[in-house]
Each structure stands twice: as structure tokens, then as C-alpha cells.
Amino acid sequence: MGIAMSDEQLNKLVANLPGVVKAVADQAKSVAEIARAKLAAHRHDGHAEVTVTHGDVDSFVNLIDRKGKQNAAAAIEFGHVSKNGKHTPGLYIITGAAGLPRRLPKKAR
């Protein structure tokens, strides 16, 4: 007879397995390497960089710009409109490196 577990309990069990935590960290490292190459191809100046941070079980790939304008990383990723109304499209550095779609499915909007 098996052990009865809720979905939440099973998720917590699997997410904390050492092999799973390592695989998630390795995937974040791979995504970050791709993102760094994408950023380098577009960065002429500025201070934006790609970093990886790790939680207890998750890893995060971040686009940060500590020395630049506020929200510069968001503008790099998703685009922006300048004061004169000119639209600059986003580069989708992290989104593209992770293989994610640029737009959310209609159900998620």
C-alpha cells in the first residue's frame, strides 16, 4: 500500500531532492550563459548584467542594472517609449534565453 500525499506534499518532496535542486541550478546557469551572450551582442555602453541567484530549491536568472536609470533592466527586457514618443522594442534577453514566448497566452493576460 502506498503513502497518501497531497499534490503540495509531493511537490515539496520532489522539489527538495538533491538531484532536482542541482538540475534547476544547472538550468539557470545555462540560461544565464545564453542571456549574457545576448546582452553582450546589444550592449554598447551601460551597466546591465545577468546574474544568477539561488534560493532553497529555486534558482533565478536576473537582468539587473544597478548603476543605470531606474527600471532600465525592465526597459531592456520589455522595451519602452521615450519622452518624444519613440518606441524602442525590448530585447527579451532573459525571456529568449529561457526559451519562453514573448507574449503570454490569451488565457493568462
PDB file of N, CA and C in Angstrom:
ATOM      1  N   MET A   1       0.840  -1.170   0.000  1.00  0.00           N
ATOM      2  CA  MET A   1       0.000   0.000   0.000  1.00  0.00           C
ATOM      3  C   MET A   1       0.891   1.242   0.000  1.00  0.00           C
ATOM      4  N   GLY A   2       0.557   2.233  -0.833  1.00  0.00           N
ATOM      5  CA  GLY A   2       1.351   3.446  -0.956  1.00  0.00           C
ATOM      6  C   GLY A   2       1.037   4.457   0.128  1.00  0.00           C
ATOM      7  N   ILE A   3       1.843   5.479   0.146  1.00  0.00           N
ATOM      8  CA  ILE A   3       1.653   6.568   1.096  1.00  0.00           C
ATOM      9  C   ILE A   3       0.763   7.618   0.439  1.00  0.00           C
ATOM     10  N   ALA A   4      -0.257   8.051   1.140  1.00  0.00           N
ATOM     11  CA  ALA A   4      -1.138   9.094   0.621  1.00  0.00           C
ATOM     12  C   ALA A   4      -0.475  10.452   0.822  1.00  0.00           C
ATOM     13  N   MET A   5      -0.380  11.228  -0.280  1.00  0.00           N
ATOM     14  CA  MET A   5       0.223  12.562  -0.233  1.00  0.00           C
ATOM     15  C   MET A   5      -0.621  13.508  -1.049  1.00  0.00           C
ATOM     16  N   SER A   6      -0.706  14.726  -0.587  1.00  0.00           N
ATOM     17  CA  SER A   6      -1.373  15.756  -1.382  1.00  0.00           C
ATOM     18  C   SER A   6      -0.419  16.192  -2.498  1.00  0.00           C
ATOM     19  N   ASP A   7      -0.950  16.897  -3.484  1.00  0.00           N
ATOM     20  CA  ASP A   7      -0.100  17.433  -4.552  1.00  0.00           C
ATOM     21  C   ASP A   7       0.973  18.351  -3.969  1.00  0.00           C
ATOM     22  N   GLU A   8       0.598  19.147  -2.988  1.00  0.00           N
ATOM     23  CA  GLU A   8       1.548  20.070  -2.360  1.00  0.00           C
ATOM     24  C   GLU A   8       2.677  19.317  -1.662  1.00  0.00           C
ATOM     25  N   GLN A   9       2.340  18.255  -0.960  1.00  0.00           N
ATOM     26  CA  GLN A   9       3.364  17.464  -0.268  1.00  0.00           C
ATOM     27  C   GLN A   9       4.296  16.788  -1.268  1.00  0.00           C
ATOM     28  N   LEU A  10       3.730  16.240  -2.335  1.00  0.00           N
ATOM     29  CA  LEU A  10       4.541  15.580  -3.356  1.00  0.00           C
ATOM     30  C   LEU A  10       5.459  16.588  -4.040  1.00  0.00           C
ATOM     31  N   ASN A  11       4.928  17.759  -4.363  1.00  0.00           N
ATOM     32  CA  ASN A  11       5.726  18.805  -4.990  1.00  0.00           C
ATOM     33  C   ASN A  11       6.901  19.196  -4.096  1.00  0.00           C
ATOM     34  N   LYS A  12       6.641  19.368  -2.811  1.00  0.00           N
ATOM     35  CA  LYS A  12       7.702  19.738  -1.867  1.00  0.00           C
ATOM     36  C   LYS A  12       8.757  18.639  -1.775  1.00  0.00           C
ATOM     37  N   LEU A  13       8.325  17.394  -1.750  1.00  0.00           N
ATOM     38  CA  LEU A  13       9.246  16.262  -1.671  1.00  0.00           C
ATOM     39  C   LEU A  13      10.158  16.226  -2.893  1.00  0.00           C
ATOM     40  N   VAL A  14       9.569  16.298  -4.078  1.00  0.00           N
ATOM     41  CA  VAL A  14      10.344  16.210  -5.316  1.00  0.00           C
ATOM     42  C   VAL A  14      11.238  17.437  -5.484  1.00  0.00           C
ATOM     43  N   ALA A  15      10.711  18.626  -5.208  1.00  0.00           N
ATOM     44  CA  ALA A  15      11.478  19.862  -5.394  1.00  0.00           C
ATOM     45  C   ALA A  15      12.721  19.908  -4.521  1.00  0.00           C
ATOM     46  N   ASN A  16      12.693  19.238  -3.393  1.00  0.00           N
ATOM     47  CA  ASN A  16      13.827  19.269  -2.469  1.00  0.00           C
ATOM     48  C   ASN A  16      14.818  18.129  -2.664  1.00  0.00           C
ATOM     49  N   LEU A  17      14.577  17.254  -3.618  1.00  0.00           N
ATOM     50  CA  LEU A  17      15.540  16.185  -3.890  1.00  0.00           C
ATOM     51  C   LEU A  17      16.844  16.811  -4.379  1.00  0.00           C
ATOM     52  N   PRO A  18      17.989  16.372  -3.874  1.00  0.00           N
ATOM     53  CA  PRO A  18      19.263  16.975  -4.276  1.00  0.00           C
ATOM     54  C   PRO A  18      19.468  17.011  -5.793  1.00  0.00           C
ATOM     55  N   GLY A  19      19.098  15.955  -6.479  1.00  0.00           N
ATOM     56  CA  GLY A  19      19.263  15.931  -7.931  1.00  0.00           C
ATOM     57  C   GLY A  19      18.401  16.955  -8.635  1.00  0.00           C
ATOM     58  N   VAL A  20      17.222  17.210  -8.105  1.00  0.00           N
ATOM     59  CA  VAL A  20      16.322  18.202  -8.699  1.00  0.00           C
ATOM     60  C   VAL A  20      16.857  19.609  -8.450  1.00  0.00           C
ATOM     61  N   VAL A  21      17.285  19.886  -7.242  1.00  0.00           N
ATOM     62  CA  VAL A  21      17.844  21.204  -6.917  1.00  0.00           C
ATOM     63  C   VAL A  21      19.056  21.487  -7.801  1.00  0.00           C
ATOM     64  N   LYS A  22      19.920  20.495  -7.993  1.00  0.00           N
ATOM     65  CA  LYS A  22      21.102  20.664  -8.847  1.00  0.00           C
ATOM     66  C   LYS A  22      20.699  20.881 -10.302  1.00  0.00           C
ATOM     67  N   ALA A  23      19.717  20.123 -10.782  1.00  0.00           N
ATOM     68  CA  ALA A  23      19.265  20.273 -12.166  1.00  0.00           C
ATOM     69  C   ALA A  23      18.687  21.668 -12.406  1.00  0.00           C
ATOM     70  N   VAL A  24      17.936  22.178 -11.448  1.00  0.00           N
ATOM     71  CA  VAL A  24      17.377  23.529 -11.565  1.00  0.00           C
ATOM     72  C   VAL A  24      18.511  24.557 -11.586  1.00  0.00           C
ATOM     73  N   ALA A  25      19.493  24.403 -10.715  1.00  0.00           N
ATOM     74  CA  ALA A  25      20.639  25.320 -10.677  1.00  0.00           C
ATOM     75  C   ALA A  25      21.440  25.250 -11.976  1.00  0.00           C
ATOM     76  N   ASP A  26      21.633  24.048 -12.499  1.00  0.00           N
ATOM     77  CA  ASP A  26      22.362  23.877 -13.761  1.00  0.00           C
ATOM     78  C   ASP A  26      21.613  24.537 -14.920  1.00  0.00           C
ATOM     79  N   GLN A  27      20.296  24.400 -14.929  1.00  0.00           N
ATOM     80  CA  GLN A  27      19.492  25.016 -15.986  1.00  0.00           C
ATOM     81  C   GLN A  27      19.585  26.539 -15.900  1.00  0.00           C
ATOM     82  N   ALA A  28      19.542  27.073 -14.705  1.00  0.00           N
ATOM     83  CA  ALA A  28      19.674  28.525 -14.533  1.00  0.00           C
ATOM     84  C   ALA A  28      21.033  29.000 -15.040  1.00  0.00           C
ATOM     85  N   LYS A  29      22.072  28.230 -14.766  1.00  0.00           N
ATOM     86  CA  LYS A  29      23.414  28.580 -15.243  1.00  0.00           C
ATOM     87  C   LYS A  29      23.447  28.596 -16.774  1.00  0.00           C
ATOM     88  N   SER A  30      22.822  27.609 -17.403  1.00  0.00           N
ATOM     89  CA  SER A  30      22.780  27.548 -18.867  1.00  0.00           C
ATOM     90  C   SER A  30      22.012  28.730 -19.449  1.00  0.00           C
ATOM     91  N   VAL A  31      20.871  29.040 -18.856  1.00  0.00           N
ATOM     92  CA  VAL A  31      20.071  30.177 -19.322  1.00  0.00           C
ATOM     93  C   VAL A  31      20.868  31.469 -19.157  1.00  0.00           C
ATOM     94  N   ALA A  32      21.559  31.620 -18.044  1.00  0.00           N
ATOM     95  CA  ALA A  32      22.355  32.827 -17.800  1.00  0.00           C
ATOM     96  C   ALA A  32      23.472  32.980 -18.829  1.00  0.00           C
ATOM     97  N   GLU A  33      24.115  31.886 -19.209  1.00  0.00           N
ATOM     98  CA  GLU A  33      25.183  31.955 -20.215  1.00  0.00           C
ATOM     99  C   GLU A  33      24.638  32.459 -21.548  1.00  0.00           C
ATOM    100  N   ILE A  34      23.482  31.945 -21.947  1.00  0.00           N
ATOM    101  CA  ILE A  34      22.848  32.394 -23.192  1.00  0.00           C
ATOM    102  C   ILE A  34      22.455  33.861 -23.071  1.00  0.00           C
ATOM    103  N   ALA A  35      21.868  34.228 -21.934  1.00  0.00           N
ATOM    104  CA  ALA A  35      21.435  35.611 -21.717  1.00  0.00           C
ATOM    105  C   ALA A  35      22.622  36.572 -21.745  1.00  0.00           C
ATOM    106  N   ARG A  36      23.733  36.178 -21.165  1.00  0.00           N
ATOM    107  CA  ARG A  36      24.928  37.042 -21.169  1.00  0.00           C
ATOM    108  C   ARG A  36      25.414  37.283 -22.598  1.00  0.00           C
ATOM    109  N   ALA A  37      25.381  36.245 -23.413  1.00  0.00           N
ATOM    110  CA  ALA A  37      25.790  36.395 -24.813  1.00  0.00           C
ATOM    111  C   ALA A  37      24.828  37.314 -25.559  1.00  0.00           C
ATOM    112  N   LYS A  38      23.535  37.169 -25.314  1.00  0.00           N
ATOM    113  CA  LYS A  38      22.538  38.030 -25.957  1.00  0.00           C
ATOM    114  C   LYS A  38      22.727  39.486 -25.529  1.00  0.00           C
ATOM    115  N   LEU A  39      22.972  39.698 -24.241  1.00  0.00           N
ATOM    116  CA  LEU A  39      23.174  41.057 -23.739  1.00  0.00           C
ATOM    117  C   LEU A  39      24.447  41.661 -24.324  1.00  0.00           C
ATOM    118  N   ALA A  40      25.517  40.890 -24.377  1.00  0.00           N
ATOM    119  CA  ALA A  40      26.789  41.390 -24.910  1.00  0.00           C
ATOM    120  C   ALA A  40      26.656  41.809 -26.371  1.00  0.00           C
ATOM    121  N   ALA A  41      25.816  41.116 -27.125  1.00  0.00           N
ATOM    122  CA  ALA A  41      25.629  41.447 -28.535  1.00  0.00           C
ATOM    123  C   ALA A  41      24.922  42.789 -28.716  1.00  0.00           C
ATOM    124  N   HIS A  42      24.222  43.263 -27.702  1.00  0.00           N
ATOM    125  CA  HIS A  42      23.451  44.501 -27.812  1.00  0.00           C
ATOM    126  C   HIS A  42      23.983  45.634 -26.954  1.00  0.00           C
ATOM    127  N   ARG A  43      24.851  45.343 -26.031  1.00  0.00           N
ATOM    128  CA  ARG A  43      25.276  46.363 -25.069  1.00  0.00           C
ATOM    129  C   ARG A  43      26.464  47.144 -25.604  1.00  0.00           C
ATOM    130  N   HIS A  44      26.243  48.407 -25.886  1.00  0.00           N
ATOM    131  CA  HIS A  44      27.327  49.271 -26.348  1.00  0.00           C
ATOM    132  C   HIS A  44      27.924  50.039 -25.175  1.00  0.00           C
ATOM    133  N   ASP A  45      27.079  50.388 -24.254  1.00  0.00           N
ATOM    134  CA  ASP A  45      27.509  51.013 -23.013  1.00  0.00           C
ATOM    135  C   ASP A  45      26.444  50.691 -21.972  1.00  0.00           C
ATOM    136  N   GLY A  46      26.625  51.184 -20.809  1.00  0.00           N
ATOM    137  CA  GLY A  46      25.655  50.876 -19.761  1.00  0.00           C
ATOM    138  C   GLY A  46      26.220  49.867 -18.786  1.00  0.00           C
ATOM    139  N   HIS A  47      25.405  49.547 -17.816  1.00  0.00           N
ATOM    140  CA  HIS A  47      25.884  48.732 -16.715  1.00  0.00           C
ATOM    141  C   HIS A  47      25.056  47.479 -16.495  1.00  0.00           C
ATOM    142  N   ALA A  48      24.181  47.150 -17.411  1.00  0.00           N
ATOM    143  CA  ALA A  48      23.319  45.981 -17.229  1.00  0.00           C
ATOM    144  C   ALA A  48      24.161  44.710 -17.197  1.00  0.00           C
ATOM    145  N   GLU A  49      23.699  43.771 -16.379  1.00  0.00           N
ATOM    146  CA  GLU A  49      24.378  42.478 -16.307  1.00  0.00           C
ATOM    147  C   GLU A  49      23.367  41.390 -15.967  1.00  0.00           C
ATOM    148  N   VAL A  50      23.748  40.173 -16.278  1.00  0.00           N
ATOM    149  CA  VAL A  50      22.932  38.999 -15.972  1.00  0.00           C
ATOM    150  C   VAL A  50      23.565  38.299 -14.779  1.00  0.00           C
ATOM    151  N   THR A  51      22.748  37.993 -13.786  1.00  0.00           N
ATOM    152  CA  THR A  51      23.226  37.279 -12.603  1.00  0.00           C
ATOM    153  C   THR A  51      22.336  36.069 -12.349  1.00  0.00           C
ATOM    154  N   VAL A  52      22.827  35.174 -11.520  1.00  0.00           N
ATOM    155  CA  VAL A  52      22.040  34.023 -11.070  1.00  0.00           C
ATOM    156  C   VAL A  52      22.018  34.061  -9.551  1.00  0.00           C
ATOM    157  N   THR A  53      20.845  33.912  -8.979  1.00  0.00           N
ATOM    158  CA  THR A  53      20.713  33.799  -7.530  1.00  0.00           C
ATOM    159  C   THR A  53      20.016  32.485  -7.223  1.00  0.00           C
ATOM    160  N   HIS A  54      20.281  31.965  -6.042  1.00  0.00           N
ATOM    161  CA  HIS A  54      19.733  30.668  -5.658  1.00  0.00           C
ATOM    162  C   HIS A  54      18.957  30.790  -4.356  1.00  0.00           C
ATOM    163  N   GLY A  55      17.777  30.199  -4.344  1.00  0.00           N
ATOM    164  CA  GLY A  55      17.000  30.069  -3.121  1.00  0.00           C
ATOM    165  C   GLY A  55      17.223  28.678  -2.556  1.00  0.00           C
ATOM    166  N   ASP A  56      16.358  28.259  -1.674  1.00  0.00           N
ATOM    167  CA  ASP A  56      16.490  26.923  -1.088  1.00  0.00           C
ATOM    168  C   ASP A  56      16.353  25.834  -2.145  1.00  0.00           C
ATOM    169  N   VAL A  57      15.402  25.989  -3.045  1.00  0.00           N
ATOM    170  CA  VAL A  57      15.198  24.981  -4.092  1.00  0.00           C
ATOM    171  C   VAL A  57      15.197  25.589  -5.490  1.00  0.00           C
ATOM    172  N   ASP A  58      14.911  26.882  -5.602  1.00  0.00           N
ATOM    173  CA  ASP A  58      14.824  27.535  -6.903  1.00  0.00           C
ATOM    174  C   ASP A  58      16.101  28.290  -7.220  1.00  0.00           C
ATOM    175  N   SER A  59      16.288  28.535  -8.510  1.00  0.00           N
ATOM    176  CA  SER A  59      17.361  29.408  -8.975  1.00  0.00           C
ATOM    177  C   SER A  59      16.726  30.447  -9.881  1.00  0.00           C
ATOM    178  N   PHE A  60      17.294  31.639  -9.890  1.00  0.00           N
ATOM    179  CA  PHE A  60      16.714  32.750 -10.627  1.00  0.00           C
ATOM    180  C   PHE A  60      17.769  33.380 -11.521  1.00  0.00           C
ATOM    181  N   VAL A  61      17.392  33.664 -12.755  1.00  0.00           N
ATOM    182  CA  VAL A  61      18.254  34.385 -13.682  1.00  0.00           C
ATOM    183  C   VAL A  61      17.725  35.815 -13.715  1.00  0.00           C
ATOM    184  N   ASN A  62      18.606  36.770 -13.456  1.00  0.00           N
ATOM    185  CA  ASN A  62      18.193  38.162 -13.287  1.00  0.00           C
ATOM    186  C   ASN A  62      18.905  39.071 -14.283  1.00  0.00           C
ATOM    187  N   LEU A  63      18.189  40.036 -14.800  1.00  0.00           N
ATOM    188  CA  LEU A  63      18.782  41.117 -15.579  1.00  0.00           C
ATOM    189  C   LEU A  63      18.737  42.338 -14.672  1.00  0.00           C
ATOM    190  N   ILE A  64      19.898  42.838 -14.304  1.00  0.00           N
ATOM    191  CA  ILE A  64      19.941  43.967 -13.376  1.00  0.00           C
ATOM    192  C   ILE A  64      20.761  45.108 -13.967  1.00  0.00           C
ATOM    193  N   ASP A  65      20.470  46.299 -13.508  1.00  0.00           N
ATOM    194  CA  ASP A  65      21.203  47.490 -13.915  1.00  0.00           C
ATOM    195  C   ASP A  65      21.263  48.409 -12.705  1.00  0.00           C
ATOM    196  N   ARG A  66      22.211  48.169 -11.831  1.00  0.00           N
ATOM    197  CA  ARG A  66      22.307  48.908 -10.564  1.00  0.00           C
ATOM    198  C   ARG A  66      22.766  50.350 -10.742  1.00  0.00           C
ATOM    199  N   LYS A  67      23.566  50.605 -11.761  1.00  0.00           N
ATOM    200  CA  LYS A  67      24.145  51.939 -11.902  1.00  0.00           C
ATOM    201  C   LYS A  67      23.390  52.809 -12.902  1.00  0.00           C
ATOM    202  N   GLY A  68      22.522  52.218 -13.665  1.00  0.00           N
ATOM    203  CA  GLY A  68      21.809  52.968 -14.692  1.00  0.00           C
ATOM    204  C   GLY A  68      20.530  53.593 -14.180  1.00  0.00           C
ATOM    205  N   LYS A  69      19.674  53.973 -15.120  1.00  0.00           N
ATOM    206  CA  LYS A  69      18.393  54.582 -14.782  1.00  0.00           C
ATOM    207  C   LYS A  69      17.489  53.573 -14.090  1.00  0.00           C
ATOM    208  N   GLN A  70      16.584  54.099 -13.275  1.00  0.00           N
ATOM    209  CA  GLN A  70      15.623  53.233 -12.598  1.00  0.00           C
ATOM    210  C   GLN A  70      14.785  52.520 -13.663  1.00  0.00           C
ATOM    211  N   ASN A  71      14.536  51.262 -13.455  1.00  0.00           N
ATOM    212  CA  ASN A  71      13.760  50.416 -14.364  1.00  0.00           C
ATOM    213  C   ASN A  71      14.455  50.155 -15.696  1.00  0.00           C
ATOM    214  N   ALA A  72      15.758  50.428 -15.788  1.00  0.00           N
ATOM    215  CA  ALA A  72      16.464  50.207 -17.044  1.00  0.00           C
ATOM    216  C   ALA A  72      16.432  48.741 -17.451  1.00  0.00           C
ATOM    217  N   ALA A  73      16.561  47.833 -16.493  1.00  0.00           N
ATOM    218  CA  ALA A  73      16.540  46.409 -16.832  1.00  0.00           C
ATOM    219  C   ALA A  73      15.193  46.017 -17.431  1.00  0.00           C
ATOM    220  N   ALA A  74      14.108  46.531 -16.879  1.00  0.00           N
ATOM    221  CA  ALA A  74      12.776  46.239 -17.426  1.00  0.00           C
ATOM    222  C   ALA A  74      12.647  46.815 -18.834  1.00  0.00           C
ATOM    223  N   ALA A  75      13.179  48.014 -19.053  1.00  0.00           N
ATOM    224  CA  ALA A  75      13.123  48.630 -20.375  1.00  0.00           C
ATOM    225  C   ALA A  75      13.946  47.838 -21.388  1.00  0.00           C
ATOM    226  N   ILE A  76      15.074  47.316 -20.963  1.00  0.00           N
ATOM    227  CA  ILE A  76      15.898  46.487 -21.847  1.00  0.00           C
ATOM    228  C   ILE A  76      15.140  45.216 -22.218  1.00  0.00           C
ATOM    229  N   GLU A  77      14.552  44.587 -21.238  1.00  0.00           N
ATOM    230  CA  GLU A  77      13.856  43.316 -21.470  1.00  0.00           C
ATOM    231  C   GLU A  77      12.584  43.503 -22.291  1.00  0.00           C
ATOM    232  N   PHE A  78      11.742  44.459 -21.899  1.00  0.00           N
ATOM    233  CA  PHE A  78      10.396  44.562 -22.471  1.00  0.00           C
ATOM    234  C   PHE A  78      10.179  45.740 -23.405  1.00  0.00           C
ATOM    235  N   GLY A  79      11.154  46.644 -23.499  1.00  0.00           N
ATOM    236  CA  GLY A  79      11.011  47.810 -24.354  1.00  0.00           C
ATOM    237  C   GLY A  79      10.487  49.004 -23.577  1.00  0.00           C
ATOM    238  N   HIS A  80      10.465  50.159 -24.258  1.00  0.00           N
ATOM    239  CA  HIS A  80       9.973  51.375 -23.621  1.00  0.00           C
ATOM    240  C   HIS A  80       9.617  52.407 -24.677  1.00  0.00           C
ATOM    241  N   VAL A  81       8.940  53.448 -24.234  1.00  0.00           N
ATOM    242  CA  VAL A  81       8.605  54.580 -25.094  1.00  0.00           C
ATOM    243  C   VAL A  81       9.328  55.793 -24.521  1.00  0.00           C
ATOM    244  N   SER A  82      10.080  56.477 -25.371  1.00  0.00           N
ATOM    245  CA  SER A  82      10.839  57.641 -24.909  1.00  0.00           C
ATOM    246  C   SER A  82       9.910  58.836 -24.716  1.00  0.00           C
ATOM    247  N   LYS A  83      10.454  59.908 -24.153  1.00  0.00           N
ATOM    248  CA  LYS A  83       9.659  61.116 -23.911  1.00  0.00           C
ATOM    249  C   LYS A  83       9.094  61.705 -25.195  1.00  0.00           C
ATOM    250  N   ASN A  84       9.804  61.520 -26.315  1.00  0.00           N
ATOM    251  CA  ASN A  84       9.309  62.055 -27.588  1.00  0.00           C
ATOM    252  C   ASN A  84       8.374  61.084 -28.308  1.00  0.00           C
ATOM    253  N   GLY A  85       8.038  59.980 -27.656  1.00  0.00           N
ATOM    254  CA  GLY A  85       7.064  59.042 -28.213  1.00  0.00           C
ATOM    255  C   GLY A  85       7.647  57.923 -29.059  1.00  0.00           C
ATOM    256  N   LYS A  86       8.961  57.880 -29.181  1.00  0.00           N
ATOM    257  CA  LYS A  86       9.587  56.821 -29.979  1.00  0.00           C
ATOM    258  C   LYS A  86       9.579  55.508 -29.195  1.00  0.00           C
ATOM    259  N   HIS A  87       9.104  54.457 -29.850  1.00  0.00           N
ATOM    260  CA  HIS A  87       9.060  53.135 -29.216  1.00  0.00           C
ATOM    261  C   HIS A  87      10.363  52.397 -29.493  1.00  0.00           C
ATOM    262  N   THR A  88      10.964  51.895 -28.444  1.00  0.00           N
ATOM    263  CA  THR A  88      12.139  51.036 -28.567  1.00  0.00           C
ATOM    264  C   THR A  88      11.718  49.646 -28.120  1.00  0.00           C
ATOM    265  N   PRO A  89      11.749  48.680 -29.024  1.00  0.00           N
ATOM    266  CA  PRO A  89      11.296  47.336 -28.642  1.00  0.00           C
ATOM    267  C   PRO A  89      12.246  46.682 -27.638  1.00  0.00           C
ATOM    268  N   GLY A  90      11.702  45.789 -26.854  1.00  0.00           N
ATOM    269  CA  GLY A  90      12.504  45.056 -25.887  1.00  0.00           C
ATOM    270  C   GLY A  90      13.423  44.054 -26.565  1.00  0.00           C
ATOM    271  N   LEU A  91      14.474  43.697 -25.875  1.00  0.00           N
ATOM    272  CA  LEU A  91      15.421  42.709 -26.390  1.00  0.00           C
ATOM    273  C   LEU A  91      15.102  41.305 -25.897  1.00  0.00           C
ATOM    274  N   TYR A  92      14.276  41.196 -24.880  1.00  0.00           N
ATOM    275  CA  TYR A  92      13.857  39.907 -24.326  1.00  0.00           C
ATOM    276  C   TYR A  92      15.062  39.006 -24.042  1.00  0.00           C
ATOM    277  N   ILE A  93      16.027  39.569 -23.350  1.00  0.00           N
ATOM    278  CA  ILE A  93      17.277  38.880 -23.035  1.00  0.00           C
ATOM    279  C   ILE A  93      17.017  37.607 -22.225  1.00  0.00           C
ATOM    280  N   ILE A  94      16.342  37.737 -21.100  1.00  0.00           N
ATOM    281  CA  ILE A  94      16.073  36.587 -20.228  1.00  0.00           C
ATOM    282  C   ILE A  94      14.989  35.706 -20.839  1.00  0.00           C
ATOM    283  N   THR A  95      13.941  36.334 -21.336  1.00  0.00           N
ATOM    284  CA  THR A  95      12.828  35.584 -21.933  1.00  0.00           C
ATOM    285  C   THR A  95      13.321  34.680 -23.058  1.00  0.00           C
ATOM    286  N   GLY A  96      14.107  35.242 -23.958  1.00  0.00           N
ATOM    287  CA  GLY A  96      14.623  34.469 -25.084  1.00  0.00           C
ATOM    288  C   GLY A  96      15.605  33.394 -24.659  1.00  0.00           C
ATOM    289  N   ALA A  97      16.468  33.730 -23.715  1.00  0.00           N
ATOM    290  CA  ALA A  97      17.460  32.756 -23.248  1.00  0.00           C
ATOM    291  C   ALA A  97      16.793  31.553 -22.596  1.00  0.00           C
ATOM    292  N   ALA A  98      15.661  31.795 -21.955  1.00  0.00           N
ATOM    293  CA  ALA A  98      14.932  30.704 -21.293  1.00  0.00           C
ATOM    294  C   ALA A  98      14.009  29.959 -22.247  1.00  0.00           C
ATOM    295  N   GLY A  99      13.914  30.425 -23.489  1.00  0.00           N
ATOM    296  CA  GLY A  99      13.049  29.761 -24.463  1.00  0.00           C
ATOM    297  C   GLY A  99      11.570  30.004 -24.212  1.00  0.00           C
ATOM    298  N   LEU A 100      11.255  31.118 -23.561  1.00  0.00           N
ATOM    299  CA  LEU A 100       9.863  31.445 -23.256  1.00  0.00           C
ATOM    300  C   LEU A 100       9.265  32.311 -24.357  1.00  0.00           C
ATOM    301  N   PRO A 101       7.953  32.250 -24.539  1.00  0.00           N
ATOM    302  CA  PRO A 101       7.321  33.111 -25.545  1.00  0.00           C
ATOM    303  C   PRO A 101       7.350  34.566 -25.087  1.00  0.00           C
ATOM    304  N   ARG A 102       7.411  35.471 -26.038  1.00  0.00           N
ATOM    305  CA  ARG A 102       7.450  36.894 -25.706  1.00  0.00           C
ATOM    306  C   ARG A 102       6.111  37.407 -25.207  1.00  0.00           C
ATOM    307  N   ARG A 103       5.052  36.742 -25.564  1.00  0.00           N
ATOM    308  CA  ARG A 103       3.718  37.165 -25.132  1.00  0.00           C
ATOM    309  C   ARG A 103       3.064  36.047 -24.351  1.00  0.00           C
ATOM    310  N   LEU A 104       2.308  36.435 -23.357  1.00  0.00           N
ATOM    311  CA  LEU A 104       1.552  35.444 -22.598  1.00  0.00           C
ATOM    312  C   LEU A 104       0.403  34.918 -23.445  1.00  0.00           C
ATOM    313  N   PRO A 105       0.027  33.669 -23.265  1.00  0.00           N
ATOM    314  CA  PRO A 105      -1.169  33.172 -23.948  1.00  0.00           C
ATOM    315  C   PRO A 105      -2.376  34.014 -23.549  1.00  0.00           C
ATOM    316  N   LYS A 106      -3.372  34.114 -24.426  1.00  0.00           N
ATOM    317  CA  LYS A 106      -4.542  34.951 -24.155  1.00  0.00           C
ATOM    318  C   LYS A 106      -5.189  34.622 -22.823  1.00  0.00           C
ATOM    319  N   LYS A 107      -5.212  33.362 -22.441  1.00  0.00           N
ATOM    320  CA  LYS A 107      -5.840  32.964 -21.177  1.00  0.00           C
ATOM    321  C   LYS A 107      -5.120  33.554 -19.975  1.00  0.00           C
ATOM    322  N   ALA A 108      -3.836  33.852 -20.103  1.00  0.00           N
ATOM    323  CA  ALA A 108      -3.051  34.349 -18.972  1.00  0.00           C
ATOM    324  C   ALA A 108      -3.022  35.871 -18.897  1.00  0.00           C
ATOM    325  N   ARG A 109      -3.513  36.557 -19.914  1.00  0.00           N
ATOM    326  CA  ARG A 109      -3.473  38.030 -19.921  1.00  0.00           C
ATOM    327  C   ARG A 109      -4.567  38.614 -19.091  1.00  0.00           C
TER     328      ARG A 109
END
